[in-house]
Amino acid sequence: MHGEQADWSVTDHLLAAVVDQLAVANWMFATVNRDEDTDPAPYPEPLPRPGREDQPAGAEAVRVGGGEAPGASPADIVAFLSTP
């Protein structure tokens, strides 16, 4: 029913969010501490998610982990990940 989105559990989505946040934090650290004469580092691309239409061409969703999260709906995942 949910296609490739069903391949990812809540844990997989949360781990992908952690990876994205860590990449941004590392980018910020490198940007702030770079020499003034060097070129800025490119902003990190987010980890591809299953079922996303706005992914860069050729990007495929990767399997982050395993397991199932019983009782978690896609709406629960979106609500949890969009909380600041």
Protein backbone atom coordinates (compact mmCIF):
# COMPACT_ATOMS: atom_id res chain seq x y z
CA MET A 1 0.00 0.00 0.00
CA HIS A 2 2.80 2.46 0.84
CA GLY A 3 5.34 1.14 -1.69
CA GLU A 4 8.99 1.75 -0.87
CA GLN A 5 8.03 3.98 2.09
CA ALA A 6 7.06 0.82 3.94
CA ASP A 7 10.70 -0.33 3.78
CA TRP A 8 11.69 2.29 6.37
CA SER A 9 10.67 2.10 10.02
CA VAL A 10 10.41 5.05 12.41
CA THR A 11 13.93 4.22 13.60
CA ASP A 12 15.24 4.42 10.04
CA HIS A 13 13.68 7.86 9.52
CA LEU A 14 15.03 9.10 12.85
CA LEU A 15 18.51 7.83 12.05
CA ALA A 16 18.40 9.57 8.67
CA ALA A 17 17.37 12.80 10.43
CA VAL A 18 20.31 12.43 12.84
CA VAL A 19 22.71 11.90 9.93
CA ASP A 20 21.37 15.02 8.19
CA GLN A 21 21.64 17.13 11.35
CA LEU A 22 25.18 15.92 12.02
CA ALA A 23 26.20 16.77 8.46
CA VAL A 24 24.80 20.30 8.86
CA ALA A 25 26.53 20.72 12.24
CA ASN A 26 29.85 19.62 10.73
CA TRP A 27 29.29 22.00 7.81
CA MET A 28 28.62 24.88 10.21
CA PHE A 29 31.73 24.08 12.23
CA ALA A 30 33.89 23.91 9.11
CA THR A 31 32.39 27.13 7.73
CA VAL A 32 32.96 29.09 10.92
CA ASN A 33 36.50 27.79 11.41
CA ARG A 34 37.74 27.99 7.82
CA ASP A 35 40.50 30.29 6.69
CA GLU A 36 39.24 33.48 5.07
CA ASP A 37 41.13 32.69 1.86
CA THR A 38 39.62 29.23 1.31
CA ASP A 39 36.44 28.52 -0.61
CA PRO A 40 33.40 27.72 1.53
CA ALA A 41 32.35 24.09 1.77
CA PRO A 42 29.18 23.16 -0.12
CA TYR A 43 26.04 22.74 1.97
CA PRO A 44 25.43 19.02 2.63
CA GLU A 45 22.75 17.19 0.69
CA PRO A 46 20.13 15.41 2.83
CA LEU A 47 20.09 11.63 2.88
CA PRO A 48 17.64 10.36 0.23
CA ARG A 49 14.34 9.17 1.69
CA PRO A 50 11.98 6.63 0.11
CA GLY A 51 8.95 8.06 -1.64
CA ARG A 52 10.35 11.59 -1.97
CA GLU A 53 9.77 13.22 -5.34
CA ASP A 54 12.12 16.18 -4.71
CA GLN A 55 15.30 14.07 -4.49
CA PRO A 56 18.19 14.86 -6.83
CA ALA A 57 18.15 12.89 -10.08
CA GLY A 58 19.82 9.53 -9.71
CA ALA A 59 19.60 9.52 -5.91
CA GLU A 60 18.22 6.31 -4.51
CA ALA A 61 16.85 5.70 -1.06
CA VAL A 62 19.25 3.73 1.09
CA ARG A 63 18.27 1.22 3.72
CA VAL A 64 19.44 2.75 7.00
CA GLY A 65 18.55 0.04 9.46
CA GLY A 66 16.15 -2.77 10.07
CA GLY A 67 13.21 -3.72 12.14
CA GLU A 68 9.65 -2.65 12.34
CA ALA A 69 7.94 -0.04 14.47
CA PRO A 70 4.49 -1.40 15.27
CA GLY A 71 1.76 1.19 15.60
CA ALA A 72 3.65 4.08 13.95
CA SER A 73 1.84 5.64 11.03
CA PRO A 74 3.42 7.87 8.38
CA ALA A 75 1.60 10.81 10.00
CA ASP A 76 3.29 9.99 13.34
CA ILE A 77 6.70 10.01 11.65
CA VAL A 78 6.07 13.34 9.94
CA ALA A 79 4.80 14.91 13.16
CA PHE A 80 7.83 13.68 15.13
CA LEU A 81 10.38 14.78 12.52
CA SER A 82 8.84 18.22 12.03
CA THR A 83 9.01 19.07 15.74
CA PRO A 84 11.83 21.62 16.31
